[in-house]
């Protein structure tokens, strides 16, 4: 049987007020994003319960079980000071990013009419900008769309469940890529990337200079093929393997590393 939540009147209520949306306009999936990160930030996940949404912008009201109030209160204080555990500070940053994306700000109160215990600057926080970089590289993915009417041909990939645009190439290479539609490839070329304040690198553009097809085989099959390769292990083989892992002892005697 699930345990019954214990509440003390006037205690343990936290209210996240977001100045964007209203209860009628807040998308459900976005509400879930805020609730997930707020729950991680407050901690004591089995003792913090969502109660309701209130009007006046959007107010997420949560109750904390009586026994967990001191722990949650201490964690909130440590978040405000920047001294909380890593997952709590990460959740605070995630809420701020959600707010920036929604052009909003927010505040956390411990109870209705109480003082603000944490402020989320959201849109007022200037996102740190990093200069973009250009360099040669490679991108792996499945070709899902090729070409257009221009001389420069756009290419779309699917990689790790996401669509990647911004790739382009010549008509000659695009013609060969079209023959690999929905197949895995590795693209080589020169790209431009930018980094956001969370440290994530995002592709801006990528000029494809060449590509190679990749084998679309399950990992288990690939490992089976490796095991099937005939090999002969000798004492010399083990010595060479040790030298590769730890370095040649003769070079160390001669001052090598």
Protein backbone atom coordinates (compact mmCIF):
# COMPACT_ATOMS: atom_id res chain seq x y z
CA UNK A 1 0.00 0.00 0.00
CA UNK A 2 1.35 3.49 -0.84
CA UNK A 3 2.06 5.58 2.19
CA UNK A 4 -0.25 8.49 2.92
CA UNK A 5 1.31 11.93 2.56
CA UNK A 6 1.54 13.84 5.84
CA UNK A 7 1.19 17.61 5.72
CA UNK A 8 1.22 20.28 8.39
CA UNK A 9 -1.03 23.27 7.77
CA UNK A 10 0.93 26.21 6.44
CA UNK A 11 4.16 24.23 6.14
CA UNK A 12 6.02 22.63 3.32
CA UNK A 13 4.34 24.42 0.42
CA UNK A 14 6.50 25.54 -2.48
CA UNK A 15 5.16 27.68 -5.31
CA UNK A 16 6.95 28.18 -8.63
CA UNK A 17 5.48 31.24 -10.34
CA UNK A 18 6.20 31.57 -14.09
CA UNK A 19 5.26 34.84 -15.74
CA UNK A 20 4.63 33.24 -19.14
CA UNK A 21 1.56 31.21 -20.06
CA UNK A 22 -1.48 30.68 -17.91
CA UNK A 23 -3.02 27.42 -16.70
CA UNK A 24 -5.14 27.45 -19.88
CA UNK A 25 -2.25 28.09 -22.29
CA UNK A 26 0.56 26.08 -20.67
CA UNK A 27 1.27 23.07 -22.95
CA UNK A 28 1.05 19.84 -20.99
CA UNK A 29 4.41 18.55 -22.22
CA UNK A 30 6.07 21.85 -21.20
CA UNK A 31 4.46 21.66 -17.78
CA UNK A 32 5.97 18.19 -17.42
CA UNK A 33 9.42 19.60 -18.26
CA UNK A 34 9.18 22.21 -15.51
CA UNK A 35 7.80 19.72 -12.98
CA UNK A 36 10.55 17.19 -13.68
CA UNK A 37 13.36 19.69 -13.21
CA UNK A 38 11.74 21.31 -10.16
CA UNK A 39 11.38 17.89 -8.56
CA UNK A 40 15.08 17.17 -9.16
CA UNK A 41 16.05 20.54 -7.72
CA UNK A 42 13.96 20.14 -4.55
CA UNK A 43 15.10 16.57 -3.98
CA UNK A 44 13.34 14.06 -1.68
CA UNK A 45 11.40 12.98 -4.77
CA UNK A 46 9.15 10.52 -2.89
CA UNK A 47 8.08 13.19 -0.42
CA UNK A 48 7.35 16.10 -2.78
CA UNK A 49 3.87 16.06 -4.33
CA UNK A 50 2.33 18.21 -7.06
CA UNK A 51 -0.97 19.66 -5.82
CA UNK A 52 -2.39 22.06 -8.38
CA UNK A 53 -1.93 24.87 -10.90
CA UNK A 54 -3.04 28.35 -9.93
CA UNK A 55 -3.80 31.36 -12.09
CA UNK A 56 -1.88 34.61 -11.96
CA UNK A 57 0.53 33.71 -14.73
CA UNK A 58 1.24 30.03 -13.99
CA UNK A 59 1.86 28.86 -10.41
CA UNK A 60 2.98 25.28 -9.78
CA UNK A 61 2.04 24.42 -6.19
CA UNK A 62 3.84 21.55 -4.45
CA UNK A 63 3.55 20.08 -0.97
CA UNK A 64 6.40 18.50 0.97
CA UNK A 65 5.73 15.79 3.52
CA UNK A 66 6.31 17.00 7.09
CA UNK A 67 9.33 14.77 7.77
CA UNK A 68 11.11 15.97 4.61
CA UNK A 69 10.59 19.71 5.11
CA UNK A 70 13.98 20.38 6.81
CA UNK A 71 15.90 18.50 4.10
CA UNK A 72 14.10 20.26 1.24
CA UNK A 73 14.50 23.64 2.91
CA UNK A 74 18.23 23.07 3.37
CA UNK A 75 18.61 21.93 -0.25
CA UNK A 76 16.80 25.02 -1.53
CA UNK A 77 19.12 27.21 0.54
CA UNK A 78 22.16 25.44 -0.87
CA UNK A 79 20.86 25.86 -4.43
CA UNK A 80 20.50 29.59 -3.82
CA UNK A 81 24.10 29.73 -2.58
CA UNK A 82 25.40 27.56 -5.41
CA UNK A 83 26.52 24.88 -2.92
CA UNK A 84 23.93 22.16 -3.65
CA UNK A 85 24.66 18.71 -5.11
CA UNK A 86 25.44 18.61 -8.81
CA UNK A 87 22.04 17.25 -9.87
CA UNK A 88 20.24 20.06 -8.02
CA UNK A 89 22.36 22.78 -9.64
CA UNK A 90 21.93 21.11 -13.03
CA UNK A 91 18.15 21.18 -12.54
CA UNK A 92 18.31 24.88 -11.59
CA UNK A 93 20.20 25.60 -14.83
CA UNK A 94 17.71 23.49 -16.79
CA UNK A 95 14.77 25.50 -15.42
CA UNK A 96 16.54 28.72 -16.39
CA UNK A 97 17.05 27.41 -19.92
CA UNK A 98 13.38 26.46 -20.21
CA UNK A 99 12.47 29.97 -19.10
CA UNK A 100 14.85 31.57 -21.60
CA UNK A 101 13.33 29.50 -24.37
CA UNK A 102 9.83 30.54 -23.22
CA UNK A 103 10.85 34.21 -22.83
CA UNK A 104 9.89 34.04 -19.15
CA UNK A 105 11.18 34.56 -15.62
CA UNK A 106 10.15 32.73 -12.46
CA UNK A 107 10.40 32.76 -8.67
CA UNK A 108 10.10 30.11 -5.98
CA UNK A 109 8.27 30.89 -2.73
CA UNK A 110 8.07 28.63 0.31
CA UNK A 111 4.40 29.48 0.86
CA UNK A 112 1.76 31.84 -0.49
CA UNK A 113 2.68 35.43 0.27
CA UNK A 114 6.09 34.40 1.55
CA UNK A 115 9.44 35.78 0.51
CA UNK A 116 11.08 34.58 -2.69
CA UNK A 117 13.63 31.90 -1.80
CA UNK A 118 15.03 31.38 -5.33
CA UNK A 119 14.76 33.66 -8.32
CA UNK A 120 15.14 32.35 -11.87
CA UNK A 121 16.32 35.15 -14.18
CA UNK A 122 15.30 33.28 -17.35
CA UNK A 123 14.97 35.74 -20.23
CA UNK A 124 16.84 38.42 -18.26
CA UNK A 125 19.95 36.26 -18.14
CA UNK A 126 22.15 36.91 -21.13
CA UNK A 127 23.11 33.57 -22.60
CA UNK A 128 26.86 33.24 -22.86
CA UNK A 129 27.98 33.38 -26.47
CA UNK A 130 30.92 31.50 -27.89
CA UNK A 131 32.49 32.16 -31.27
CA UNK A 132 31.77 29.53 -33.89
CA UNK A 133 34.65 27.39 -35.12
CA UNK A 134 35.46 25.97 -38.54
CA UNK A 135 37.30 22.71 -38.95
CA UNK A 136 37.41 19.49 -40.93
CA UNK A 137 35.43 16.65 -39.47
CA UNK A 138 33.06 13.76 -40.07
CA UNK A 139 29.36 13.16 -39.41
CA UNK A 140 27.68 9.75 -39.22
CA UNK A 141 24.01 9.23 -39.97
CA UNK A 142 21.35 7.96 -42.34
CA UNK A 143 20.57 9.89 -45.49
CA UNK A 144 16.89 10.87 -45.37
CA UNK A 145 16.67 13.56 -48.06
CA UNK A 146 18.84 14.72 -50.94
CA UNK A 147 18.88 17.66 -53.27
CA UNK A 148 17.06 20.71 -54.45
CA UNK A 149 16.91 23.00 -57.46
CA UNK A 150 20.15 24.92 -56.82
CA UNK A 151 23.69 24.11 -57.83
CA UNK A 152 24.54 23.56 -54.17
CA UNK A 153 22.60 20.50 -53.01
CA UNK A 154 21.26 20.27 -49.42
CA UNK A 155 21.53 16.94 -47.61
CA UNK A 156 19.50 15.86 -44.56
CA UNK A 157 20.67 13.19 -42.15
CA UNK A 158 19.12 11.35 -39.25
CA UNK A 159 21.55 10.71 -36.41
CA UNK A 160 20.76 9.56 -32.86
CA UNK A 161 17.05 10.03 -33.52
CA UNK A 162 17.45 13.66 -34.61
CA UNK A 163 17.34 15.29 -38.02
CA UNK A 164 20.47 17.18 -39.02
CA UNK A 165 20.24 19.93 -41.61
CA UNK A 166 22.84 22.42 -42.75
CA UNK A 167 24.81 19.89 -44.82
CA UNK A 168 25.36 20.62 -48.50
CA UNK A 169 27.49 19.39 -51.38
CA UNK A 170 27.95 19.37 -55.14
CA UNK A 171 25.48 17.80 -57.56
CA UNK A 172 27.96 15.04 -58.38
CA UNK A 173 28.31 13.92 -54.75
CA UNK A 174 24.58 14.42 -54.13
CA UNK A 175 23.83 12.03 -57.00
CA UNK A 176 25.88 9.28 -55.34
CA UNK A 177 24.37 10.03 -51.91
CA UNK A 178 20.90 9.68 -53.39
CA UNK A 179 21.76 6.06 -54.12
CA UNK A 180 22.35 5.61 -50.35
CA UNK A 181 18.95 6.94 -49.27
CA UNK A 182 18.00 5.60 -45.79
CA UNK A 183 21.39 3.93 -45.48
CA UNK A 184 24.15 4.79 -42.97
CA UNK A 185 27.02 6.89 -44.26
CA UNK A 186 29.96 8.86 -42.93
CA UNK A 187 30.32 12.35 -44.41
CA UNK A 188 33.70 14.07 -44.58
CA UNK A 189 34.13 17.78 -45.08
CA UNK A 190 34.56 21.18 -43.50
CA UNK A 191 31.99 22.41 -41.04
CA UNK A 192 31.13 25.30 -38.77
CA UNK A 193 29.93 24.65 -35.21
CA UNK A 194 28.74 26.87 -32.36
CA UNK A 195 28.55 26.09 -28.63
CA UNK A 196 25.73 27.18 -26.36
CA UNK A 197 25.95 28.07 -22.66
CA UNK A 198 25.30 24.45 -21.69
CA UNK A 199 28.43 23.33 -23.52
CA UNK A 200 26.50 21.61 -26.33
CA UNK A 201 27.98 21.91 -29.82
CA UNK A 202 25.50 22.59 -32.64
CA UNK A 203 26.15 22.27 -36.35
CA UNK A 204 25.64 25.45 -38.36
CA UNK A 205 26.77 24.24 -41.77
CA UNK A 206 28.81 21.39 -43.23
CA UNK A 207 30.25 21.24 -46.75
CA UNK A 208 30.47 17.59 -47.79
CA UNK A 209 33.67 16.83 -49.70
CA UNK A 210 33.42 13.02 -49.72
CA UNK A 211 31.63 10.16 -48.00
CA UNK A 212 31.81 6.46 -47.33
CA UNK A 213 29.09 3.87 -46.80
CA UNK A 214 28.88 2.24 -43.38
CA UNK A 215 27.93 -1.36 -42.66
CA UNK A 216 24.46 -1.57 -41.19
CA UNK A 217 25.00 -4.70 -39.12
CA UNK A 218 24.02 -5.35 -35.48
CA UNK A 219 26.78 -5.11 -32.88
CA UNK A 220 26.43 -8.80 -32.05
CA UNK A 221 27.09 -9.74 -35.67
CA UNK A 222 30.13 -7.44 -35.83
CA UNK A 223 31.58 -9.02 -32.68
CA UNK A 224 30.96 -12.50 -34.07
CA UNK A 225 32.94 -11.59 -37.19
CA UNK A 226 35.83 -10.33 -35.07
CA UNK A 227 35.88 -13.53 -33.04
CA UNK A 228 35.92 -15.56 -36.24
CA UNK A 229 39.20 -13.98 -37.41
CA UNK A 230 41.92 -16.66 -37.04
CA UNK A 231 44.77 -15.58 -34.77
CA UNK A 232 47.83 -17.22 -33.32
CA UNK A 233 48.91 -15.94 -29.92
CA UNK A 234 52.53 -16.51 -28.93
CA UNK A 235 54.68 -15.32 -26.05
CA UNK A 236 55.93 -12.58 -28.37
CA UNK A 237 52.35 -11.45 -29.01
CA UNK A 238 51.73 -10.93 -25.30
CA UNK A 239 55.00 -9.00 -24.97
CA UNK A 240 54.02 -6.73 -27.86
CA UNK A 241 50.59 -6.18 -26.33
CA UNK A 242 52.17 -5.23 -22.99
CA UNK A 243 54.50 -2.81 -24.79
CA UNK A 244 51.53 -1.17 -26.53
CA UNK A 245 49.66 -0.75 -23.24
CA UNK A 246 52.53 0.30 -20.99
CA UNK A 247 55.33 1.36 -23.32
CA UNK A 248 58.54 -0.40 -24.28
CA UNK A 249 60.59 -0.93 -21.09
CA UNK A 250 63.78 -0.36 -23.08
CA UNK A 251 62.66 3.14 -23.97
CA UNK A 252 61.85 3.83 -20.31
CA UNK A 253 65.38 2.81 -19.36
CA UNK A 254 66.67 5.28 -21.91
CA UNK A 255 64.61 8.13 -20.48
CA UNK A 256 61.46 7.55 -22.53
CA UNK A 257 57.90 7.79 -21.15
